[in-house]
Amino acid sequence: MDRLKQEQVAKRTRWLVWAESLIILGLLVWVSVEYESNLFLESWAKANIGPISFLLNGTLAGIYAGLLSGYAIAKYAGKKTEEEKILESLRKSA
């Protein structure tokens, strides 16, 4: 019973991490759109954070989105269903 509860907590934690990651992506997109439309923010960023300000024009949001999709593909593309795992274990034992 304890193992089942731990698995449920782990599953909920994974969903929470995904939700937080998508919220962060949304905020990065929002900052990028605001940076492109607000000349004051653009000049402030160039004056105060210098050469790193080019990340605010959508580059950082694109990199973050690419990392999230790459992780999702790597994590879930190789995931086997329970039936496939049972069949594989039966083949090994036979």
PDB file of N, CA and C in Angstrom:
ATOM      1  N   MET A   1       0.817  -1.184   0.000  1.00  0.00           N
ATOM      2  CA  MET A   1       0.000   0.000   0.000  1.00  0.00           C
ATOM      3  C   MET A   1       0.872   1.263   0.000  1.00  0.00           C
ATOM      4  N   ASP A   2       1.956   1.198   0.739  1.00  0.00           N
ATOM      5  CA  ASP A   2       2.865   2.345   0.803  1.00  0.00           C
ATOM      6  C   ASP A   2       3.496   2.608  -0.563  1.00  0.00           C
ATOM      7  N   ARG A   3       3.810   1.556  -1.282  1.00  0.00           N
ATOM      8  CA  ARG A   3       4.418   1.703  -2.611  1.00  0.00           C
ATOM      9  C   ARG A   3       3.440   2.377  -3.575  1.00  0.00           C
ATOM     10  N   LEU A   4       2.170   1.999  -3.496  1.00  0.00           N
ATOM     11  CA  LEU A   4       1.151   2.604  -4.340  1.00  0.00           C
ATOM     12  C   LEU A   4       1.030   4.095  -4.063  1.00  0.00           C
ATOM     13  N   LYS A   5       1.079   4.461  -2.786  1.00  0.00           N
ATOM     14  CA  LYS A   5       0.986   5.872  -2.423  1.00  0.00           C
ATOM     15  C   LYS A   5       2.203   6.646  -2.947  1.00  0.00           C
ATOM     16  N   GLN A   6       3.384   6.039  -2.861  1.00  0.00           N
ATOM     17  CA  GLN A   6       4.589   6.688  -3.376  1.00  0.00           C
ATOM     18  C   GLN A   6       4.501   6.884  -4.882  1.00  0.00           C
ATOM     19  N   GLU A   7       3.955   5.898  -5.598  1.00  0.00           N
ATOM     20  CA  GLU A   7       3.802   6.034  -7.041  1.00  0.00           C
ATOM     21  C   GLU A   7       2.817   7.146  -7.391  1.00  0.00           C
ATOM     22  N   GLN A   8       1.740   7.260  -6.607  1.00  0.00           N
ATOM     23  CA  GLN A   8       0.770   8.318  -6.846  1.00  0.00           C
ATOM     24  C   GLN A   8       1.379   9.696  -6.593  1.00  0.00           C
ATOM     25  N   VAL A   9       2.164   9.795  -5.540  1.00  0.00           N
ATOM     26  CA  VAL A   9       2.827  11.068  -5.236  1.00  0.00           C
ATOM     27  C   VAL A   9       3.818  11.422  -6.348  1.00  0.00           C
ATOM     28  N   ALA A  10       4.550  10.434  -6.834  1.00  0.00           N
ATOM     29  CA  ALA A  10       5.501  10.681  -7.917  1.00  0.00           C
ATOM     30  C   ALA A  10       4.779  11.125  -9.186  1.00  0.00           C
ATOM     31  N   LYS A  11       3.651  10.502  -9.481  1.00  0.00           N
ATOM     32  CA  LYS A  11       2.894  10.869 -10.677  1.00  0.00           C
ATOM     33  C   LYS A  11       2.354  12.289 -10.560  1.00  0.00           C
ATOM     34  N   ARG A  12       1.814  12.630  -9.395  1.00  0.00           N
ATOM     35  CA  ARG A  12       1.315  13.992  -9.185  1.00  0.00           C
ATOM     36  C   ARG A  12       2.438  15.010  -9.275  1.00  0.00           C
ATOM     37  N   THR A  13       3.597  14.657  -8.759  1.00  0.00           N
ATOM     38  CA  THR A  13       4.746  15.564  -8.813  1.00  0.00           C
ATOM     39  C   THR A  13       5.179  15.805 -10.257  1.00  0.00           C
ATOM     40  N   ARG A  14       5.185  14.736 -11.061  1.00  0.00           N
ATOM     41  CA  ARG A  14       5.540  14.902 -12.480  1.00  0.00           C
ATOM     42  C   ARG A  14       4.558  15.837 -13.176  1.00  0.00           C
ATOM     43  N   TRP A  15       3.268  15.678 -12.908  1.00  0.00           N
ATOM     44  CA  TRP A  15       2.274  16.554 -13.523  1.00  0.00           C
ATOM     45  C   TRP A  15       2.455  17.996 -13.043  1.00  0.00           C
ATOM     46  N   LEU A  16       2.791  18.174 -11.790  1.00  0.00           N
ATOM     47  CA  LEU A  16       3.017  19.515 -11.258  1.00  0.00           C
ATOM     48  C   LEU A  16       4.228  20.171 -11.923  1.00  0.00           C
ATOM     49  N   VAL A  17       5.286  19.401 -12.126  1.00  0.00           N
ATOM     50  CA  VAL A  17       6.484  19.931 -12.789  1.00  0.00           C
ATOM     51  C   VAL A  17       6.152  20.337 -14.224  1.00  0.00           C
ATOM     52  N   TRP A  18       5.367  19.512 -14.922  1.00  0.00           N
ATOM     53  CA  TRP A  18       4.971  19.863 -16.291  1.00  0.00           C
ATOM     54  C   TRP A  18       4.122  21.132 -16.301  1.00  0.00           C
ATOM     55  N   ALA A  19       3.190  21.250 -15.369  1.00  0.00           N
ATOM     56  CA  ALA A  19       2.343  22.439 -15.307  1.00  0.00           C
ATOM     57  C   ALA A  19       3.180  23.686 -15.040  1.00  0.00           C
ATOM     58  N   GLU A  20       4.108  23.582 -14.111  1.00  0.00           N
ATOM     59  CA  GLU A  20       4.975  24.725 -13.810  1.00  0.00           C
ATOM     60  C   GLU A  20       5.852  25.084 -15.009  1.00  0.00           C
ATOM     61  N   SER A  21       6.339  24.088 -15.717  1.00  0.00           N
ATOM     62  CA  SER A  21       7.162  24.347 -16.892  1.00  0.00           C
ATOM     63  C   SER A  21       6.371  25.056 -17.979  1.00  0.00           C
ATOM     64  N   LEU A  22       5.127  24.663 -18.174  1.00  0.00           N
ATOM     65  CA  LEU A  22       4.293  25.320 -19.179  1.00  0.00           C
ATOM     66  C   LEU A  22       3.938  26.745 -18.756  1.00  0.00           C
ATOM     67  N   ILE A  23       3.754  26.968 -17.466  1.00  0.00           N
ATOM     68  CA  ILE A  23       3.511  28.329 -16.984  1.00  0.00           C
ATOM     69  C   ILE A  23       4.744  29.199 -17.220  1.00  0.00           C
ATOM     70  N   ILE A  24       5.914  28.657 -16.949  1.00  0.00           N
ATOM     71  CA  ILE A  24       7.159  29.399 -17.197  1.00  0.00           C
ATOM     72  C   ILE A  24       7.296  29.723 -18.678  1.00  0.00           C
ATOM     73  N   LEU A  25       6.975  28.758 -19.543  1.00  0.00           N
ATOM     74  CA  LEU A  25       7.027  29.000 -20.983  1.00  0.00           C
ATOM     75  C   LEU A  25       6.054  30.116 -21.371  1.00  0.00           C
ATOM     76  N   GLY A  26       4.862  30.087 -20.809  1.00  0.00           N
ATOM     77  CA  GLY A  26       3.895  31.149 -21.092  1.00  0.00           C
ATOM     78  C   GLY A  26       4.401  32.519 -20.650  1.00  0.00           C
ATOM     79  N   LEU A  27       5.035  32.566 -19.487  1.00  0.00           N
ATOM     80  CA  LEU A  27       5.592  33.837 -19.012  1.00  0.00           C
ATOM     81  C   LEU A  27       6.746  34.314 -19.900  1.00  0.00           C
ATOM     82  N   LEU A  28       7.570  33.391 -20.373  1.00  0.00           N
ATOM     83  CA  LEU A  28       8.658  33.783 -21.282  1.00  0.00           C
ATOM     84  C   LEU A  28       8.112  34.332 -22.596  1.00  0.00           C
ATOM     85  N   VAL A  29       7.065  33.716 -23.108  1.00  0.00           N
ATOM     86  CA  VAL A  29       6.441  34.221 -24.335  1.00  0.00           C
ATOM     87  C   VAL A  29       5.845  35.603 -24.079  1.00  0.00           C
ATOM     88  N   TRP A  30       5.205  35.772 -22.929  1.00  0.00           N
ATOM     89  CA  TRP A  30       4.615  37.061 -22.579  1.00  0.00           C
ATOM     90  C   TRP A  30       5.687  38.149 -22.504  1.00  0.00           C
ATOM     91  N   VAL A  31       6.804  37.856 -21.835  1.00  0.00           N
ATOM     92  CA  VAL A  31       7.892  38.835 -21.730  1.00  0.00           C
ATOM     93  C   VAL A  31       8.457  39.146 -23.107  1.00  0.00           C
ATOM     94  N   SER A  32       8.555  38.138 -23.964  1.00  0.00           N
ATOM     95  CA  SER A  32       9.077  38.337 -25.311  1.00  0.00           C
ATOM     96  C   SER A  32       8.172  39.256 -26.134  1.00  0.00           C
ATOM     97  N   VAL A  33       6.869  39.026 -26.056  1.00  0.00           N
ATOM     98  CA  VAL A  33       5.922  39.875 -26.788  1.00  0.00           C
ATOM     99  C   VAL A  33       5.947  41.299 -26.236  1.00  0.00           C
ATOM    100  N   GLU A  34       6.032  41.423 -24.934  1.00  0.00           N
ATOM    101  CA  GLU A  34       6.099  42.752 -24.314  1.00  0.00           C
ATOM    102  C   GLU A  34       7.400  43.463 -24.707  1.00  0.00           C
ATOM    103  N   TYR A  35       8.501  42.726 -24.764  1.00  0.00           N
ATOM    104  CA  TYR A  35       9.791  43.304 -25.149  1.00  0.00           C
ATOM    105  C   TYR A  35       9.733  43.847 -26.573  1.00  0.00           C
ATOM    106  N   GLU A  36       9.063  43.096 -27.455  1.00  0.00           N
ATOM    107  CA  GLU A  36       8.996  43.536 -28.849  1.00  0.00           C
ATOM    108  C   GLU A  36       8.064  44.727 -29.046  1.00  0.00           C
ATOM    109  N   SER A  37       7.050  44.882 -28.204  1.00  0.00           N
ATOM    110  CA  SER A  37       6.091  45.957 -28.410  1.00  0.00           C
ATOM    111  C   SER A  37       6.353  47.187 -27.536  1.00  0.00           C
ATOM    112  N   ASN A  38       7.196  47.076 -26.528  1.00  0.00           N
ATOM    113  CA  ASN A  38       7.431  48.177 -25.601  1.00  0.00           C
ATOM    114  C   ASN A  38       8.841  48.723 -25.813  1.00  0.00           C
ATOM    115  N   LEU A  39       8.938  49.891 -26.424  1.00  0.00           N
ATOM    116  CA  LEU A  39      10.248  50.470 -26.725  1.00  0.00           C
ATOM    117  C   LEU A  39      11.004  50.862 -25.455  1.00  0.00           C
ATOM    118  N   PHE A  40      10.277  51.289 -24.429  1.00  0.00           N
ATOM    119  CA  PHE A  40      10.935  51.645 -23.163  1.00  0.00           C
ATOM    120  C   PHE A  40      11.604  50.416 -22.549  1.00  0.00           C
ATOM    121  N   LEU A  41      10.897  49.279 -22.536  1.00  0.00           N
ATOM    122  CA  LEU A  41      11.470  48.053 -21.994  1.00  0.00           C
ATOM    123  C   LEU A  41      12.687  47.609 -22.805  1.00  0.00           C
ATOM    124  N   GLU A  42      12.590  47.763 -24.110  1.00  0.00           N
ATOM    125  CA  GLU A  42      13.710  47.382 -24.971  1.00  0.00           C
ATOM    126  C   GLU A  42      14.940  48.256 -24.703  1.00  0.00           C
ATOM    127  N   SER A  43      14.745  49.553 -24.588  1.00  0.00           N
ATOM    128  CA  SER A  43      15.895  50.431 -24.319  1.00  0.00           C
ATOM    129  C   SER A  43      16.435  50.216 -22.913  1.00  0.00           C
ATOM    130  N   TRP A  44      15.543  49.954 -21.938  1.00  0.00           N
ATOM    131  CA  TRP A  44      15.992  49.676 -20.581  1.00  0.00           C
ATOM    132  C   TRP A  44      16.825  48.399 -20.538  1.00  0.00           C
ATOM    133  N   ALA A  45      16.373  47.368 -21.235  1.00  0.00           N
ATOM    134  CA  ALA A  45      17.097  46.099 -21.241  1.00  0.00           C
ATOM    135  C   ALA A  45      18.463  46.256 -21.897  1.00  0.00           C
ATOM    136  N   LYS A  46      18.514  46.985 -22.982  1.00  0.00           N
ATOM    137  CA  LYS A  46      19.802  47.193 -23.658  1.00  0.00           C
ATOM    138  C   LYS A  46      20.765  47.982 -22.783  1.00  0.00           C
ATOM    139  N   ALA A  47      20.237  48.931 -22.006  1.00  0.00           N
ATOM    140  CA  ALA A  47      21.088  49.760 -21.152  1.00  0.00           C
ATOM    141  C   ALA A  47      21.532  49.015 -19.903  1.00  0.00           C
ATOM    142  N   ASN A  48      20.677  48.162 -19.339  1.00  0.00           N
ATOM    143  CA  ASN A  48      20.980  47.553 -18.049  1.00  0.00           C
ATOM    144  C   ASN A  48      21.504  46.121 -18.114  1.00  0.00           C
ATOM    145  N   ILE A  49      21.053  45.344 -19.060  1.00  0.00           N
ATOM    146  CA  ILE A  49      21.560  43.969 -19.111  1.00  0.00           C
ATOM    147  C   ILE A  49      22.412  43.704 -20.346  1.00  0.00           C
ATOM    148  N   GLY A  50      22.574  44.720 -21.156  1.00  0.00           N
ATOM    149  CA  GLY A  50      23.527  44.685 -22.245  1.00  0.00           C
ATOM    150  C   GLY A  50      23.287  43.611 -23.296  1.00  0.00           C
ATOM    151  N   PRO A  51      24.348  42.875 -23.619  1.00  0.00           N
ATOM    152  CA  PRO A  51      24.257  41.932 -24.738  1.00  0.00           C
ATOM    153  C   PRO A  51      23.309  40.752 -24.475  1.00  0.00           C
ATOM    154  N   ILE A  52      22.914  40.546 -23.233  1.00  0.00           N
ATOM    155  CA  ILE A  52      22.009  39.435 -22.930  1.00  0.00           C
ATOM    156  C   ILE A  52      20.571  39.784 -23.330  1.00  0.00           C
ATOM    157  N   SER A  53      20.310  41.058 -23.608  1.00  0.00           N
ATOM    158  CA  SER A  53      18.939  41.471 -23.931  1.00  0.00           C
ATOM    159  C   SER A  53      18.418  40.836 -25.209  1.00  0.00           C
ATOM    160  N   PHE A  54      19.292  40.325 -26.078  1.00  0.00           N
ATOM    161  CA  PHE A  54      18.808  39.680 -27.302  1.00  0.00           C
ATOM    162  C   PHE A  54      18.017  38.409 -26.988  1.00  0.00           C
ATOM    163  N   LEU A  55      18.204  37.841 -25.790  1.00  0.00           N
ATOM    164  CA  LEU A  55      17.442  36.651 -25.409  1.00  0.00           C
ATOM    165  C   LEU A  55      15.961  36.962 -25.211  1.00  0.00           C
ATOM    166  N   LEU A  56      15.638  38.230 -24.955  1.00  0.00           N
ATOM    167  CA  LEU A  56      14.251  38.594 -24.704  1.00  0.00           C
ATOM    168  C   LEU A  56      13.414  38.711 -25.970  1.00  0.00           C
ATOM    169  N   ASN A  57      14.027  38.665 -27.141  1.00  0.00           N
ATOM    170  CA  ASN A  57      13.251  38.850 -28.369  1.00  0.00           C
ATOM    171  C   ASN A  57      12.632  37.551 -28.876  1.00  0.00           C
ATOM    172  N   GLY A  58      12.530  36.552 -28.039  1.00  0.00           N
ATOM    173  CA  GLY A  58      11.922  35.290 -28.435  1.00  0.00           C
ATOM    174  C   GLY A  58      12.909  34.142 -28.440  1.00  0.00           C
ATOM    175  N   THR A  59      14.183  34.456 -28.378  1.00  0.00           N
ATOM    176  CA  THR A  59      15.207  33.415 -28.405  1.00  0.00           C
ATOM    177  C   THR A  59      15.120  32.518 -27.183  1.00  0.00           C
ATOM    178  N   LEU A  60      14.999  33.111 -26.031  1.00  0.00           N
ATOM    179  CA  LEU A  60      14.948  32.336 -24.788  1.00  0.00           C
ATOM    180  C   LEU A  60      13.692  31.466 -24.728  1.00  0.00           C
ATOM    181  N   ALA A  61      12.554  32.013 -25.170  1.00  0.00           N
ATOM    182  CA  ALA A  61      11.318  31.228 -25.184  1.00  0.00           C
ATOM    183  C   ALA A  61      11.439  30.067 -26.166  1.00  0.00           C
ATOM    184  N   GLY A  62      12.063  30.287 -27.303  1.00  0.00           N
ATOM    185  CA  GLY A  62      12.259  29.219 -28.281  1.00  0.00           C
ATOM    186  C   GLY A  62      13.177  28.129 -27.773  1.00  0.00           C
ATOM    187  N   ILE A  63      14.248  28.520 -27.110  1.00  0.00           N
ATOM    188  CA  ILE A  63      15.181  27.539 -26.544  1.00  0.00           C
ATOM    189  C   ILE A  63      14.480  26.722 -25.457  1.00  0.00           C
ATOM    190  N   TYR A  64      13.714  27.390 -24.602  1.00  0.00           N
ATOM    191  CA  TYR A  64      13.009  26.694 -23.530  1.00  0.00           C
ATOM    192  C   TYR A  64      11.951  25.744 -24.091  1.00  0.00           C
ATOM    193  N   ALA A  65      11.217  26.191 -25.111  1.00  0.00           N
ATOM    194  CA  ALA A  65      10.215  25.329 -25.740  1.00  0.00           C
ATOM    195  C   ALA A  65      10.880  24.123 -26.397  1.00  0.00           C
ATOM    196  N   GLY A  66      12.030  24.334 -27.022  1.00  0.00           N
ATOM    197  CA  GLY A  66      12.761  23.222 -27.624  1.00  0.00           C
ATOM    198  C   GLY A  66      13.243  22.220 -26.592  1.00  0.00           C
ATOM    199  N   LEU A  67      13.728  22.726 -25.470  1.00  0.00           N
ATOM    200  CA  LEU A  67      14.162  21.833 -24.401  1.00  0.00           C
ATOM    201  C   LEU A  67      13.000  21.021 -23.838  1.00  0.00           C
ATOM    202  N   LEU A  68      11.854  21.680 -23.637  1.00  0.00           N
ATOM    203  CA  LEU A  68      10.681  20.966 -23.120  1.00  0.00           C
ATOM    204  C   LEU A  68      10.216  19.891 -24.096  1.00  0.00           C
ATOM    205  N   SER A  69      10.133  20.253 -25.394  1.00  0.00           N
ATOM    206  CA  SER A  69       9.682  19.244 -26.360  1.00  0.00           C
ATOM    207  C   SER A  69      10.698  18.126 -26.508  1.00  0.00           C
ATOM    208  N   GLY A  70      11.970  18.442 -26.507  1.00  0.00           N
ATOM    209  CA  GLY A  70      12.984  17.399 -26.598  1.00  0.00           C
ATOM    210  C   GLY A  70      12.922  16.443 -25.424  1.00  0.00           C
ATOM    211  N   TYR A  71      12.730  16.987 -24.238  1.00  0.00           N
ATOM    212  CA  TYR A  71      12.613  16.134 -23.060  1.00  0.00           C
ATOM    213  C   TYR A  71      11.365  15.269 -23.140  1.00  0.00           C
ATOM    214  N   ALA A  72      10.257  15.866 -23.562  1.00  0.00           N
ATOM    215  CA  ALA A  72       8.997  15.105 -23.655  1.00  0.00           C
ATOM    216  C   ALA A  72       9.117  13.974 -24.669  1.00  0.00           C
ATOM    217  N   ILE A  73       9.736  14.232 -25.791  1.00  0.00           N
ATOM    218  CA  ILE A  73       9.902  13.195 -26.816  1.00  0.00           C
ATOM    219  C   ILE A  73      10.826  12.101 -26.308  1.00  0.00           C
ATOM    220  N   ALA A  74      11.933  12.494 -25.693  1.00  0.00           N
ATOM    221  CA  ALA A  74      12.880  11.496 -25.179  1.00  0.00           C
ATOM    222  C   ALA A  74      12.265  10.671 -24.056  1.00  0.00           C
ATOM    223  N   LYS A  75      11.458  11.298 -23.233  1.00  0.00           N
ATOM    224  CA  LYS A  75      10.873  10.613 -22.080  1.00  0.00           C
ATOM    225  C   LYS A  75       9.749   9.666 -22.477  1.00  0.00           C
ATOM    226  N   TYR A  76       8.875  10.113 -23.351  1.00  0.00           N
ATOM    227  CA  TYR A  76       7.662   9.355 -23.619  1.00  0.00           C
ATOM    228  C   TYR A  76       7.690   8.559 -24.915  1.00  0.00           C
ATOM    229  N   ALA A  77       8.646   8.792 -25.796  1.00  0.00           N
ATOM    230  CA  ALA A  77       8.699   8.033 -27.043  1.00  0.00           C
ATOM    231  C   ALA A  77       9.136   6.596 -26.792  1.00  0.00           C
ATOM    232  N   GLY A  78      10.013   6.391 -25.845  1.00  0.00           N
ATOM    233  CA  GLY A  78      10.501   5.057 -25.553  1.00  0.00           C
ATOM    234  C   GLY A  78       9.713   4.340 -24.482  1.00  0.00           C
ATOM    235  N   LYS A  79       8.642   4.931 -24.040  1.00  0.00           N
ATOM    236  CA  LYS A  79       7.855   4.338 -22.967  1.00  0.00           C
ATOM    237  C   LYS A  79       7.019   3.175 -23.506  1.00  0.00           C
ATOM    238  N   LYS A  80       7.117   2.048 -22.840  1.00  0.00           N
ATOM    239  CA  LYS A  80       6.391   0.868 -23.267  1.00  0.00           C
ATOM    240  C   LYS A  80       5.108   0.720 -22.454  1.00  0.00           C
ATOM    241  N   THR A  81       4.115   0.131 -23.081  1.00  0.00           N
ATOM    242  CA  THR A  81       2.883  -0.140 -22.354  1.00  0.00           C
ATOM    243  C   THR A  81       3.089  -1.369 -21.478  1.00  0.00           C
ATOM    244  N   GLU A  82       2.194  -1.575 -20.561  1.00  0.00           N
ATOM    245  CA  GLU A  82       2.282  -2.734 -19.664  1.00  0.00           C
ATOM    246  C   GLU A  82       2.229  -4.043 -20.456  1.00  0.00           C
ATOM    247  N   GLU A  83       1.398  -4.076 -21.508  1.00  0.00           N
ATOM    248  CA  GLU A  83       1.288  -5.294 -22.314  1.00  0.00           C
ATOM    249  C   GLU A  83       2.606  -5.619 -23.002  1.00  0.00           C
ATOM    250  N   GLU A  84       3.270  -4.592 -23.518  1.00  0.00           N
ATOM    251  CA  GLU A  84       4.563  -4.812 -24.175  1.00  0.00           C
ATOM    252  C   GLU A  84       5.604  -5.323 -23.183  1.00  0.00           C
ATOM    253  N   LYS A  85       5.585  -4.804 -21.967  1.00  0.00           N
ATOM    254  CA  LYS A  85       6.530  -5.267 -20.946  1.00  0.00           C
ATOM    255  C   LYS A  85       6.281  -6.730 -20.592  1.00  0.00           C
ATOM    256  N   ILE A  86       5.017  -7.108 -20.473  1.00  0.00           N
ATOM    257  CA  ILE A  86       4.680  -8.507 -20.151  1.00  0.00           C
ATOM    258  C   ILE A  86       5.114  -9.415 -21.281  1.00  0.00           C
ATOM    259  N   LEU A  87       4.826  -9.034 -22.520  1.00  0.00           N
ATOM    260  CA  LEU A  87       5.228  -9.857 -23.671  1.00  0.00           C
ATOM    261  C   LEU A  87       6.745 -10.011 -23.749  1.00  0.00           C
ATOM    262  N   GLU A  88       7.461  -8.919 -23.486  1.00  0.00           N
ATOM    263  CA  GLU A  88       8.920  -8.974 -23.533  1.00  0.00           C
ATOM    264  C   GLU A  88       9.478  -9.899 -22.436  1.00  0.00           C
ATOM    265  N   SER A  89       8.900  -9.834 -21.247  1.00  0.00           N
ATOM    266  CA  SER A  89       9.383 -10.704 -20.175  1.00  0.00           C
ATOM    267  C   SER A  89       9.057 -12.158 -20.467  1.00  0.00           C
ATOM    268  N   LEU A  90       7.921 -12.416 -21.108  1.00  0.00           N
ATOM    269  CA  LEU A  90       7.565 -13.795 -21.485  1.00  0.00           C
ATOM    270  C   LEU A  90       8.503 -14.332 -22.559  1.00  0.00           C
ATOM    271  N   ARG A  91       8.884 -13.486 -23.493  1.00  0.00           N
ATOM    272  CA  ARG A  91       9.801 -13.903 -24.552  1.00  0.00           C
ATOM    273  C   ARG A  91      11.174 -14.222 -23.988  1.00  0.00           C
ATOM    274  N   LYS A  92      11.619 -13.434 -23.005  1.00  0.00           N
ATOM    275  CA  LYS A  92      12.928 -13.677 -22.406  1.00  0.00           C
ATOM    276  C   LYS A  92      12.957 -14.986 -21.618  1.00  0.00           C
ATOM    277  N   SER A  93      11.850 -15.271 -20.942  1.00  0.00           N
ATOM    278  CA  SER A  93      11.818 -16.478 -20.123  1.00  0.00           C
ATOM    279  C   SER A  93      11.599 -17.749 -20.961  1.00  0.00           C
ATOM    280  N   ALA A  94      11.088 -17.603 -22.176  1.00  0.00           N
ATOM    281  CA  ALA A  94      10.818 -18.784 -23.015  1.00  0.00           C
ATOM    282  C   ALA A  94      12.029 -19.247 -23.777  1.00  0.00           C
TER     283      ALA A  94
END
